[in-house]
Amino acid sequence: MLSTVESVRKVKVVNERKPNDPRRVDISYDGEGYVVAGVPFQIGATFASGRLGQAVLQSGELCASTFPETFQPIRDGLAKKYGEPAFEAGELNELEILIALGESARLGRPVRKIAGYRSGSVAALVDLTISREARLLPPYGMGKMARAVWEFAESEQRRKMLACPGSSGLDRAMITIIYLPARELDAAIAAAQEASKRAAEDTSGKL
């Protein structure tokens, strides 16, 4: 079935000879990948007991400065197919992106925003990661070899910066869409709600 998808050139199922995850899928593409609303995605799949468990679409790094406009057509497409999200971690606008970038810089790791869509027995879990990469500073007292390594890394980072509007290329976002059985999404929502409830009860007991 994957071999009939637009932009997919070849699909190969590889037997890993592992007891818990015996197969994986190697996919080659015509061009950058499977393109949705102008965004190239890589297609992946996970298996359980020899059967397809989840299908995954994952983008590469996208410019955070234009991410709301980039993601909106994809969100609209998901809403048209599955209906409005069963849950969504806030509105994705320019202000929310800036807040997430600030949090990423403070924490030193990407910030995630998650939404879930469901229609019948199928669900789509959308995982957005937003990150701000710190500028590379020259190490103190480095020798010639270390300086050469730093200069190469710094030039690559500068190239990355220039790839986005306003030299903002150190601010990035990525889209991962996981297709899974709706019952698994329902179980994840219930677990998250229960964890949130327990955390609130624990906090209220200390006030």
N, C-alpha and C. Protein backbone atom coordinates (compact mmCIF):
# COMPACT_ATOMS: atom_id res chain seq x y z
N MET A 1 0.83 -1.21 0.00
CA MET A 1 0.00 0.00 0.00
C MET A 1 0.86 1.26 0.00
N LEU A 2 1.95 1.26 0.80
CA LEU A 2 2.82 2.43 0.85
C LEU A 2 3.44 2.72 -0.50
N SER A 3 3.69 1.68 -1.28
CA SER A 3 4.34 1.87 -2.58
C SER A 3 3.47 2.63 -3.55
N THR A 4 2.17 2.77 -3.27
CA THR A 4 1.27 3.52 -4.15
C THR A 4 1.15 4.98 -3.73
N VAL A 5 1.78 5.35 -2.60
CA VAL A 5 1.70 6.72 -2.11
C VAL A 5 2.55 7.64 -2.99
N GLU A 6 2.01 8.82 -3.27
CA GLU A 6 2.72 9.79 -4.09
C GLU A 6 4.10 10.09 -3.50
N SER A 7 5.11 10.17 -4.36
CA SER A 7 6.50 10.48 -4.02
C SER A 7 7.28 9.29 -3.45
N VAL A 8 6.59 8.21 -3.11
CA VAL A 8 7.29 7.03 -2.61
C VAL A 8 7.79 6.20 -3.79
N ARG A 9 9.10 5.98 -3.85
CA ARG A 9 9.68 5.24 -4.97
C ARG A 9 9.80 3.75 -4.67
N LYS A 10 10.22 3.42 -3.45
CA LYS A 10 10.47 2.02 -3.11
C LYS A 10 10.22 1.78 -1.63
N VAL A 11 9.60 0.67 -1.31
CA VAL A 11 9.34 0.29 0.08
C VAL A 11 9.94 -1.10 0.32
N LYS A 12 10.69 -1.22 1.39
CA LYS A 12 11.28 -2.52 1.73
C LYS A 12 11.05 -2.81 3.20
N VAL A 13 10.45 -3.95 3.49
CA VAL A 13 10.26 -4.39 4.86
C VAL A 13 11.48 -5.20 5.27
N VAL A 14 12.14 -4.77 6.33
CA VAL A 14 13.38 -5.41 6.78
C VAL A 14 13.11 -6.19 8.06
N ASN A 15 13.52 -7.44 8.07
CA ASN A 15 13.39 -8.27 9.26
C ASN A 15 14.60 -8.06 10.15
N GLU A 16 14.38 -7.48 11.33
CA GLU A 16 15.48 -7.15 12.25
C GLU A 16 15.92 -8.35 13.09
N ARG A 17 15.13 -9.43 13.07
CA ARG A 17 15.43 -10.63 13.87
C ARG A 17 15.51 -10.30 15.37
N LYS A 18 14.61 -9.41 15.80
CA LYS A 18 14.51 -9.08 17.21
C LYS A 18 13.17 -9.57 17.73
N PRO A 19 13.10 -10.07 18.97
CA PRO A 19 11.86 -10.70 19.45
C PRO A 19 10.69 -9.73 19.61
N ASN A 20 10.95 -8.47 19.99
CA ASN A 20 9.85 -7.55 20.29
C ASN A 20 9.49 -6.63 19.13
N ASP A 21 10.38 -6.43 18.19
CA ASP A 21 10.13 -5.50 17.09
C ASP A 21 10.79 -6.08 15.84
N PRO A 22 10.18 -7.12 15.27
CA PRO A 22 10.88 -7.90 14.26
C PRO A 22 11.02 -7.23 12.90
N ARG A 23 10.26 -6.18 12.64
CA ARG A 23 10.31 -5.60 11.30
C ARG A 23 10.38 -4.09 11.35
N ARG A 24 10.99 -3.53 10.33
CA ARG A 24 10.96 -2.09 10.12
C ARG A 24 10.80 -1.84 8.62
N VAL A 25 10.49 -0.62 8.27
CA VAL A 25 10.25 -0.28 6.87
C VAL A 25 11.30 0.72 6.40
N ASP A 26 11.98 0.39 5.33
CA ASP A 26 12.89 1.33 4.67
C ASP A 26 12.17 1.89 3.45
N ILE A 27 12.09 3.24 3.36
CA ILE A 27 11.36 3.88 2.27
C ILE A 27 12.29 4.86 1.56
N SER A 28 12.33 4.77 0.25
CA SER A 28 13.05 5.76 -0.56
C SER A 28 12.04 6.58 -1.35
N TYR A 29 12.40 7.83 -1.62
CA TYR A 29 11.44 8.79 -2.17
C TYR A 29 11.95 9.40 -3.48
N ASP A 30 11.00 9.87 -4.26
CA ASP A 30 11.30 10.75 -5.38
C ASP A 30 11.26 12.18 -4.84
N GLY A 31 12.41 12.82 -4.72
CA GLY A 31 12.45 14.16 -4.14
C GLY A 31 12.73 14.10 -2.65
N GLU A 32 12.24 15.11 -1.92
CA GLU A 32 12.57 15.27 -0.50
C GLU A 32 11.78 14.36 0.42
N GLY A 33 10.64 13.87 -0.05
CA GLY A 33 9.82 13.02 0.80
C GLY A 33 8.36 13.10 0.38
N TYR A 34 7.49 12.68 1.26
CA TYR A 34 6.05 12.74 1.04
C TYR A 34 5.58 14.14 1.42
N VAL A 35 5.19 14.93 0.44
CA VAL A 35 4.92 16.36 0.65
C VAL A 35 3.45 16.59 0.96
N VAL A 36 3.20 17.26 2.08
CA VAL A 36 1.84 17.64 2.50
C VAL A 36 1.82 19.14 2.72
N ALA A 37 0.99 19.86 1.98
CA ALA A 37 0.86 21.32 2.11
C ALA A 37 2.23 22.00 2.05
N GLY A 38 3.08 21.51 1.14
CA GLY A 38 4.39 22.11 0.95
C GLY A 38 5.45 21.66 1.92
N VAL A 39 5.11 20.79 2.87
CA VAL A 39 6.07 20.32 3.88
C VAL A 39 6.46 18.88 3.57
N PRO A 40 7.76 18.61 3.35
CA PRO A 40 8.20 17.22 3.11
C PRO A 40 8.21 16.42 4.41
N PHE A 41 7.63 15.22 4.36
CA PHE A 41 7.61 14.31 5.51
C PHE A 41 8.31 13.01 5.14
N GLN A 42 8.89 12.38 6.16
CA GLN A 42 9.35 11.00 6.04
C GLN A 42 8.27 10.10 6.65
N ILE A 43 8.05 8.95 6.04
CA ILE A 43 7.04 8.00 6.50
C ILE A 43 7.72 6.90 7.29
N GLY A 44 7.15 6.56 8.42
CA GLY A 44 7.67 5.46 9.24
C GLY A 44 6.55 4.57 9.71
N ALA A 45 6.91 3.45 10.28
CA ALA A 45 5.91 2.51 10.79
C ALA A 45 6.50 1.72 11.94
N THR A 46 5.66 1.36 12.90
CA THR A 46 6.07 0.49 14.00
C THR A 46 5.21 -0.77 13.96
N PHE A 47 5.80 -1.87 14.39
CA PHE A 47 5.10 -3.15 14.34
C PHE A 47 5.02 -3.75 15.74
N ALA A 48 3.95 -4.48 15.97
CA ALA A 48 3.77 -5.21 17.22
C ALA A 48 3.24 -6.59 16.88
N SER A 49 3.94 -7.62 17.33
CA SER A 49 3.56 -9.00 17.07
C SER A 49 3.40 -9.27 15.57
N GLY A 50 4.29 -8.66 14.79
CA GLY A 50 4.27 -8.89 13.35
C GLY A 50 3.21 -8.14 12.60
N ARG A 51 2.45 -7.28 13.28
CA ARG A 51 1.39 -6.51 12.62
C ARG A 51 1.68 -5.01 12.76
N LEU A 52 1.18 -4.23 11.80
CA LEU A 52 1.37 -2.79 11.84
C LEU A 52 0.70 -2.21 13.08
N GLY A 53 1.47 -1.50 13.90
CA GLY A 53 0.91 -0.89 15.10
C GLY A 53 0.60 0.58 14.91
N GLN A 54 1.57 1.32 14.37
CA GLN A 54 1.39 2.75 14.16
C GLN A 54 2.09 3.16 12.86
N ALA A 55 1.52 4.17 12.20
CA ALA A 55 2.17 4.81 11.06
C ALA A 55 2.55 6.22 11.48
N VAL A 56 3.69 6.70 10.99
CA VAL A 56 4.22 7.98 11.44
C VAL A 56 4.63 8.84 10.25
N LEU A 57 4.28 10.12 10.31
CA LEU A 57 4.81 11.13 9.39
C LEU A 57 5.66 12.08 10.21
N GLN A 58 6.90 12.34 9.77
CA GLN A 58 7.77 13.25 10.51
C GLN A 58 8.45 14.21 9.55
N SER A 59 8.30 15.49 9.85
CA SER A 59 8.95 16.50 9.03
C SER A 59 10.40 16.66 9.46
N GLY A 60 11.15 17.41 8.66
CA GLY A 60 12.46 17.85 9.10
C GLY A 60 12.30 19.12 9.92
N GLU A 61 13.41 19.80 10.18
CA GLU A 61 13.35 21.05 10.93
C GLU A 61 12.77 22.15 10.04
N LEU A 62 11.80 22.88 10.57
CA LEU A 62 11.13 23.98 9.87
C LEU A 62 11.42 25.29 10.58
N CYS A 63 11.33 26.38 9.86
CA CYS A 63 11.58 27.70 10.46
C CYS A 63 10.46 28.05 11.44
N ALA A 64 10.82 28.32 12.68
CA ALA A 64 9.82 28.67 13.68
C ALA A 64 9.16 30.01 13.38
N SER A 65 9.91 30.91 12.74
CA SER A 65 9.38 32.26 12.48
C SER A 65 8.17 32.23 11.55
N THR A 66 8.06 31.22 10.71
CA THR A 66 6.92 31.11 9.80
C THR A 66 6.07 29.87 10.09
N PHE A 67 6.29 29.25 11.26
CA PHE A 67 5.64 27.97 11.54
C PHE A 67 4.12 28.06 11.64
N PRO A 68 3.53 29.10 12.27
CA PRO A 68 2.06 29.15 12.31
C PRO A 68 1.43 29.08 10.92
N GLU A 69 2.01 29.81 9.96
CA GLU A 69 1.48 29.78 8.59
C GLU A 69 1.75 28.44 7.92
N THR A 70 2.89 27.82 8.24
CA THR A 70 3.23 26.52 7.65
C THR A 70 2.30 25.42 8.16
N PHE A 71 2.01 25.45 9.46
CA PHE A 71 1.24 24.37 10.07
C PHE A 71 -0.26 24.50 9.86
N GLN A 72 -0.78 25.70 9.68
CA GLN A 72 -2.22 25.90 9.61
C GLN A 72 -2.91 25.06 8.54
N PRO A 73 -2.38 24.97 7.30
CA PRO A 73 -3.06 24.11 6.31
C PRO A 73 -3.08 22.64 6.71
N ILE A 74 -2.05 22.19 7.43
CA ILE A 74 -2.01 20.80 7.89
C ILE A 74 -3.05 20.59 8.98
N ARG A 75 -3.15 21.56 9.91
CA ARG A 75 -4.17 21.48 10.95
C ARG A 75 -5.56 21.48 10.34
N ASP A 76 -5.78 22.34 9.35
CA ASP A 76 -7.08 22.41 8.68
C ASP A 76 -7.41 21.07 8.02
N GLY A 77 -6.40 20.43 7.40
CA GLY A 77 -6.62 19.14 6.75
C GLY A 77 -6.98 18.06 7.75
N LEU A 78 -6.30 18.07 8.90
CA LEU A 78 -6.62 17.09 9.94
C LEU A 78 -8.04 17.30 10.48
N ALA A 79 -8.41 18.57 10.70
CA ALA A 79 -9.74 18.88 11.21
C ALA A 79 -10.83 18.48 10.21
N LYS A 80 -10.54 18.65 8.91
CA LYS A 80 -11.52 18.27 7.90
C LYS A 80 -11.72 16.76 7.87
N LYS A 81 -10.63 16.00 8.06
CA LYS A 81 -10.71 14.54 7.99
C LYS A 81 -11.22 13.92 9.28
N TYR A 82 -10.77 14.45 10.43
CA TYR A 82 -11.07 13.82 11.72
C TYR A 82 -12.02 14.63 12.60
N GLY A 83 -12.33 15.87 12.19
CA GLY A 83 -13.10 16.75 13.07
C GLY A 83 -12.18 17.56 13.96
N GLU A 84 -12.74 18.48 14.71
CA GLU A 84 -11.93 19.31 15.60
C GLU A 84 -11.21 18.43 16.63
N PRO A 85 -10.04 18.85 17.09
CA PRO A 85 -9.25 17.98 17.97
C PRO A 85 -9.96 17.60 19.26
N ALA A 86 -9.73 16.35 19.68
CA ALA A 86 -10.25 15.89 20.96
C ALA A 86 -9.58 16.65 22.11
N PHE A 87 -8.34 17.04 21.90
CA PHE A 87 -7.64 17.93 22.83
C PHE A 87 -6.54 18.64 22.04
N GLU A 88 -6.16 19.80 22.52
CA GLU A 88 -5.14 20.61 21.84
C GLU A 88 -4.46 21.50 22.87
N ALA A 89 -3.14 21.51 22.86
CA ALA A 89 -2.37 22.26 23.86
C ALA A 89 -2.23 23.72 23.46
N GLY A 90 -3.34 24.44 23.48
CA GLY A 90 -3.30 25.88 23.24
C GLY A 90 -3.27 26.25 21.76
N GLU A 91 -3.58 27.50 21.50
CA GLU A 91 -3.58 28.02 20.14
C GLU A 91 -2.15 28.21 19.66
N LEU A 92 -1.89 27.86 18.41
CA LEU A 92 -0.54 27.98 17.87
C LEU A 92 -0.45 29.26 17.05
N ASN A 93 -0.08 30.36 17.71
CA ASN A 93 0.09 31.62 17.00
C ASN A 93 1.50 32.16 17.25
N GLU A 94 1.78 33.33 16.73
CA GLU A 94 3.14 33.88 16.83
C GLU A 94 3.56 34.08 18.28
N LEU A 95 2.63 34.55 19.13
CA LEU A 95 2.96 34.78 20.54
C LEU A 95 3.29 33.45 21.23
N GLU A 96 2.48 32.41 20.98
CA GLU A 96 2.73 31.12 21.60
C GLU A 96 4.06 30.53 21.15
N ILE A 97 4.42 30.74 19.89
CA ILE A 97 5.71 30.27 19.40
C ILE A 97 6.85 30.98 20.13
N LEU A 98 6.73 32.30 20.30
CA LEU A 98 7.77 33.06 21.00
C LEU A 98 7.90 32.60 22.45
N ILE A 99 6.76 32.34 23.10
CA ILE A 99 6.80 31.86 24.49
C ILE A 99 7.50 30.49 24.55
N ALA A 100 7.16 29.61 23.61
CA ALA A 100 7.77 28.28 23.58
C ALA A 100 9.26 28.37 23.31
N LEU A 101 9.68 29.28 22.42
CA LEU A 101 11.10 29.45 22.13
C LEU A 101 11.86 29.94 23.36
N GLY A 102 11.25 30.87 24.08
CA GLY A 102 11.87 31.36 25.31
C GLY A 102 12.02 30.26 26.35
N GLU A 103 10.99 29.42 26.45
CA GLU A 103 11.05 28.31 27.41
C GLU A 103 12.10 27.30 26.98
N SER A 104 12.20 27.04 25.66
CA SER A 104 13.22 26.12 25.17
C SER A 104 14.62 26.62 25.48
N ALA A 105 14.85 27.93 25.30
CA ALA A 105 16.16 28.51 25.60
C ALA A 105 16.47 28.40 27.08
N ARG A 106 15.47 28.60 27.92
CA ARG A 106 15.67 28.55 29.37
C ARG A 106 15.95 27.12 29.84
N LEU A 107 15.23 26.15 29.27
CA LEU A 107 15.35 24.76 29.70
C LEU A 107 16.49 24.02 29.01
N GLY A 108 16.91 24.54 27.86
CA GLY A 108 17.96 23.87 27.11
C GLY A 108 17.49 22.63 26.37
N ARG A 109 16.20 22.57 26.06
CA ARG A 109 15.64 21.42 25.33
C ARG A 109 14.39 21.87 24.58
N PRO A 110 13.93 21.07 23.61
CA PRO A 110 12.72 21.44 22.87
C PRO A 110 11.48 21.44 23.77
N VAL A 111 10.50 22.25 23.38
CA VAL A 111 9.21 22.30 24.05
C VAL A 111 8.18 21.62 23.15
N ARG A 112 7.33 20.80 23.73
CA ARG A 112 6.36 20.05 22.95
C ARG A 112 4.95 20.61 23.11
N LYS A 113 4.20 20.61 22.00
CA LYS A 113 2.78 20.94 22.01
C LYS A 113 2.07 19.79 21.31
N ILE A 114 1.06 19.24 21.96
CA ILE A 114 0.43 18.01 21.47
C ILE A 114 -1.07 18.24 21.23
N ALA A 115 -1.56 17.63 20.17
CA ALA A 115 -3.00 17.65 19.88
C ALA A 115 -3.41 16.25 19.43
N GLY A 116 -4.67 15.89 19.67
CA GLY A 116 -5.17 14.58 19.29
C GLY A 116 -6.45 14.68 18.49
N TYR A 117 -6.52 13.96 17.39
CA TYR A 117 -7.71 13.92 16.53
C TYR A 117 -8.21 12.47 16.48
N ARG A 118 -9.55 12.33 16.36
CA ARG A 118 -10.11 10.99 16.39
C ARG A 118 -11.35 10.94 15.50
N SER A 119 -11.44 9.86 14.71
CA SER A 119 -12.63 9.64 13.88
C SER A 119 -12.83 8.14 13.76
N GLY A 120 -13.93 7.64 14.31
CA GLY A 120 -14.16 6.20 14.28
C GLY A 120 -13.10 5.46 15.07
N SER A 121 -12.49 4.48 14.45
CA SER A 121 -11.50 3.65 15.14
C SER A 121 -10.07 4.13 14.95
N VAL A 122 -9.89 5.23 14.21
CA VAL A 122 -8.54 5.74 13.90
C VAL A 122 -8.33 7.10 14.55
N ALA A 123 -7.11 7.32 15.03
CA ALA A 123 -6.77 8.61 15.65
C ALA A 123 -5.44 9.10 15.10
N ALA A 124 -5.25 10.39 15.21
CA ALA A 124 -3.98 11.02 14.80
C ALA A 124 -3.48 11.86 15.97
N LEU A 125 -2.30 11.53 16.46
CA LEU A 125 -1.66 12.29 17.54
C LEU A 125 -0.61 13.20 16.91
N VAL A 126 -0.76 14.49 17.11
CA VAL A 126 0.14 15.47 16.52
C VAL A 126 1.08 16.00 17.60
N ASP A 127 2.37 15.80 17.39
CA ASP A 127 3.39 16.19 18.36
C ASP A 127 4.28 17.25 17.70
N LEU A 128 4.16 18.50 18.17
CA LEU A 128 4.96 19.60 17.65
C LEU A 128 6.09 19.89 18.62
N THR A 129 7.32 19.95 18.13
CA THR A 129 8.45 20.31 18.98
C THR A 129 9.01 21.64 18.50
N ILE A 130 9.24 22.53 19.45
CA ILE A 130 9.72 23.88 19.17
C ILE A 130 11.00 24.09 19.96
N SER A 131 12.06 24.54 19.30
CA SER A 131 13.35 24.63 19.98
C SER A 131 14.14 25.86 19.54
N ARG A 132 14.94 26.36 20.46
CA ARG A 132 15.87 27.45 20.18
C ARG A 132 17.28 26.97 20.47
N GLU A 133 18.11 26.94 19.45
CA GLU A 133 19.49 26.47 19.58
C GLU A 133 20.39 27.63 20.02
N ALA A 134 21.22 27.38 21.02
CA ALA A 134 22.12 28.42 21.52
C ALA A 134 23.25 28.67 20.52
N ARG A 135 23.71 29.91 20.44
CA ARG A 135 24.86 30.23 19.60
C ARG A 135 26.11 29.57 20.15
N LEU A 136 26.95 29.11 19.23
CA LEU A 136 28.21 28.49 19.62
C LEU A 136 29.24 29.56 19.94
N LEU A 137 29.81 29.47 21.12
CA LEU A 137 30.84 30.41 21.54
C LEU A 137 32.20 29.73 21.50
N PRO A 138 33.27 30.45 21.12
CA PRO A 138 34.59 29.82 21.05
C PRO A 138 35.07 29.40 22.44
N PRO A 139 35.52 28.16 22.57
CA PRO A 139 36.03 27.71 23.88
C PRO A 139 37.23 28.55 24.31
N TYR A 140 37.37 28.75 25.58
CA TYR A 140 38.48 29.54 26.11
C TYR A 140 39.79 28.76 25.98
N GLY A 141 40.83 29.43 25.47
CA GLY A 141 42.17 28.86 25.41
C GLY A 141 42.30 27.64 24.53
N MET A 142 41.53 27.55 23.44
CA MET A 142 41.59 26.36 22.60
C MET A 142 42.79 26.39 21.67
N GLY A 143 43.28 25.20 21.32
CA GLY A 143 44.40 25.09 20.40
C GLY A 143 43.94 25.13 18.95
N LYS A 144 44.89 24.92 18.03
CA LYS A 144 44.59 25.03 16.60
C LYS A 144 43.54 24.01 16.16
N MET A 145 43.68 22.77 16.63
CA MET A 145 42.73 21.74 16.22
C MET A 145 41.32 22.05 16.73
N ALA A 146 41.23 22.45 18.00
CA ALA A 146 39.92 22.78 18.57
C ALA A 146 39.32 23.99 17.86
N ARG A 147 40.16 24.96 17.51
CA ARG A 147 39.65 26.15 16.80
C ARG A 147 39.13 25.76 15.42
N ALA A 148 39.83 24.87 14.74
CA ALA A 148 39.38 24.44 13.41
C ALA A 148 38.02 23.75 13.51
N VAL A 149 37.85 22.90 14.52
CA VAL A 149 36.57 22.22 14.72
C VAL A 149 35.48 23.22 15.03
N TRP A 150 35.78 24.19 15.92
CA TRP A 150 34.79 25.20 16.27
C TRP A 150 34.41 26.05 15.07
N GLU A 151 35.39 26.45 14.25
CA GLU A 151 35.12 27.29 13.08
C GLU A 151 34.21 26.57 12.10
N PHE A 152 34.43 25.26 11.93
CA PHE A 152 33.55 24.50 11.03
C PHE A 152 32.13 24.45 11.59
N ALA A 153 32.00 24.12 12.89
CA ALA A 153 30.69 24.04 13.51
C ALA A 153 29.99 25.40 13.49
N GLU A 154 30.74 26.47 13.72
CA GLU A 154 30.16 27.81 13.74
C GLU A 154 29.69 28.22 12.35
N SER A 155 30.45 27.82 11.31
CA SER A 155 30.03 28.15 9.94
C SER A 155 28.75 27.41 9.57
N GLU A 156 28.64 26.14 10.05
CA GLU A 156 27.42 25.38 9.79
C GLU A 156 26.23 26.01 10.51
N GLN A 157 26.46 26.49 11.73
CA GLN A 157 25.38 27.14 12.47
C GLN A 157 24.98 28.45 11.80
N ARG A 158 25.95 29.19 11.28
CA ARG A 158 25.63 30.44 10.59
C ARG A 158 24.81 30.17 9.34
N ARG A 159 25.17 29.09 8.62
CA ARG A 159 24.40 28.70 7.43
C ARG A 159 22.96 28.36 7.80
N LYS A 160 22.80 27.68 8.93
CA LYS A 160 21.47 27.33 9.41
C LYS A 160 20.68 28.57 9.76
N MET A 161 21.32 29.56 10.37
CA MET A 161 20.64 30.81 10.72
C MET A 161 20.10 31.50 9.48
N LEU A 162 20.91 31.54 8.41
CA LEU A 162 20.54 32.27 7.20
C LEU A 162 19.46 31.56 6.39
N ALA A 163 19.16 30.31 6.75
CA ALA A 163 18.16 29.55 5.99
C ALA A 163 16.74 29.98 6.28
N CYS A 164 16.53 30.80 7.32
CA CYS A 164 15.19 31.25 7.70
C CYS A 164 15.10 32.77 7.63
N PRO A 165 13.89 33.32 7.46
CA PRO A 165 13.73 34.77 7.37
C PRO A 165 14.31 35.49 8.58
N GLY A 166 14.97 36.62 8.32
CA GLY A 166 15.53 37.42 9.40
C GLY A 166 16.66 36.73 10.14
N SER A 167 17.36 35.81 9.47
CA SER A 167 18.47 35.06 10.09
C SER A 167 18.04 34.39 11.39
N SER A 168 16.82 33.86 11.40
CA SER A 168 16.25 33.28 12.62
C SER A 168 16.33 31.75 12.62
N GLY A 169 17.27 31.20 11.85
CA GLY A 169 17.31 29.76 11.65
C GLY A 169 17.68 28.91 12.84
N LEU A 170 18.07 29.53 13.97
CA LEU A 170 18.31 28.74 15.17
C LEU A 170 17.02 28.46 15.93
N ASP A 171 15.93 29.08 15.50
CA ASP A 171 14.61 28.82 16.07
C ASP A 171 13.88 27.88 15.11
N ARG A 172 13.62 26.66 15.58
CA ARG A 172 13.09 25.63 14.70
C ARG A 172 11.87 24.93 15.28
N ALA A 173 11.11 24.29 14.40
CA ALA A 173 9.95 23.50 14.80
C ALA A 173 9.90 22.25 13.95
N MET A 174 9.29 21.22 14.49
CA MET A 174 9.16 19.95 13.78
C MET A 174 7.78 19.37 14.03
N ILE A 175 7.24 18.71 13.01
CA ILE A 175 5.91 18.11 13.10
C ILE A 175 6.03 16.59 13.04
N THR A 176 5.43 15.91 14.01
CA THR A 176 5.31 14.46 13.97
C THR A 176 3.83 14.10 14.10
N ILE A 177 3.32 13.33 13.15
CA ILE A 177 1.93 12.87 13.19
C ILE A 177 1.93 11.36 13.31
N ILE A 178 1.35 10.86 14.39
CA ILE A 178 1.32 9.42 14.65
C ILE A 178 -0.12 8.93 14.48
N TYR A 179 -0.31 7.99 13.57
CA TYR A 179 -1.63 7.39 13.35
C TYR A 179 -1.70 6.09 14.15
N LEU A 180 -2.73 5.97 14.96
CA LEU A 180 -2.85 4.84 15.88
C LEU A 180 -4.31 4.51 16.12
N PRO A 181 -4.60 3.35 16.70
CA PRO A 181 -6.00 3.03 17.03
C PRO A 181 -6.58 4.04 18.01
N ALA A 182 -7.83 4.42 17.81
CA ALA A 182 -8.46 5.44 18.66
C ALA A 182 -8.47 5.02 20.12
N ARG A 183 -8.58 3.73 20.39
CA ARG A 183 -8.61 3.28 21.78
C ARG A 183 -7.30 3.61 22.50
N GLU A 184 -6.17 3.60 21.77
CA GLU A 184 -4.88 3.93 22.38
C GLU A 184 -4.82 5.42 22.71
N LEU A 185 -5.38 6.24 21.83
CA LEU A 185 -5.43 7.68 22.12
C LEU A 185 -6.33 7.94 23.32
N ASP A 186 -7.49 7.27 23.37
CA ASP A 186 -8.40 7.44 24.51
C ASP A 186 -7.72 7.06 25.82
N ALA A 187 -6.94 5.97 25.78
CA ALA A 187 -6.25 5.53 26.99
C ALA A 187 -5.19 6.54 27.41
N ALA A 188 -4.50 7.13 26.43
CA ALA A 188 -3.48 8.13 26.74
C ALA A 188 -4.11 9.38 27.34
N ILE A 189 -5.27 9.80 26.80
CA ILE A 189 -5.97 10.98 27.34
C ILE A 189 -6.41 10.71 28.77
N ALA A 190 -6.99 9.52 29.01
CA ALA A 190 -7.46 9.18 30.36
C ALA A 190 -6.30 9.15 31.35
N ALA A 191 -5.15 8.62 30.93
CA ALA A 191 -3.99 8.56 31.81
C ALA A 191 -3.48 9.96 32.14
N ALA A 192 -3.46 10.84 31.13
CA ALA A 192 -3.00 12.21 31.34
C ALA A 192 -3.94 12.96 32.27
N GLN A 193 -5.25 12.75 32.09
CA GLN A 193 -6.23 13.42 32.95
C GLN A 193 -6.11 12.94 34.39
N GLU A 194 -5.88 11.64 34.57
CA GLU A 194 -5.74 11.09 35.91
C GLU A 194 -4.47 11.62 36.59
N ALA A 195 -3.38 11.72 35.82
CA ALA A 195 -2.13 12.25 36.37
C ALA A 195 -2.29 13.72 36.76
N SER A 196 -3.01 14.48 35.93
CA SER A 196 -3.26 15.88 36.23
C SER A 196 -4.11 16.02 37.48
N LYS A 197 -5.12 15.14 37.62
CA LYS A 197 -6.00 15.17 38.79
C LYS A 197 -5.21 14.87 40.06
N ARG A 198 -4.35 13.85 40.00
CA ARG A 198 -3.55 13.49 41.18
C ARG A 198 -2.59 14.62 41.56
N ALA A 199 -2.00 15.27 40.54
CA ALA A 199 -1.08 16.37 40.82
C ALA A 199 -1.82 17.53 41.49
N ALA A 200 -3.04 17.83 41.01
CA ALA A 200 -3.83 18.92 41.61
C ALA A 200 -4.21 18.59 43.04
N GLU A 201 -4.60 17.33 43.28
CA GLU A 201 -4.96 16.92 44.65
C GLU A 201 -3.76 17.00 45.58
N ASP A 202 -2.61 16.60 45.09
CA ASP A 202 -1.38 16.65 45.89
C ASP A 202 -1.03 18.10 46.24
N THR A 203 -1.18 18.99 45.23
CA THR A 203 -0.86 20.40 45.45
C THR A 203 -1.84 21.03 46.42
N SER A 204 -3.15 20.73 46.24
CA SER A 204 -4.16 21.35 47.12
C SER A 204 -3.98 20.90 48.56
N GLY A 205 -3.49 19.66 48.74
CA GLY A 205 -3.28 19.16 50.10
C GLY A 205 -2.14 19.86 50.81
N LYS A 206 -1.28 20.54 50.06
CA LYS A 206 -0.15 21.23 50.67
C LYS A 206 -0.43 22.72 50.89
N LEU A 207 -1.59 23.18 50.44
CA LEU A 207 -1.91 24.62 50.55
C LEU A 207 -2.81 24.92 51.75
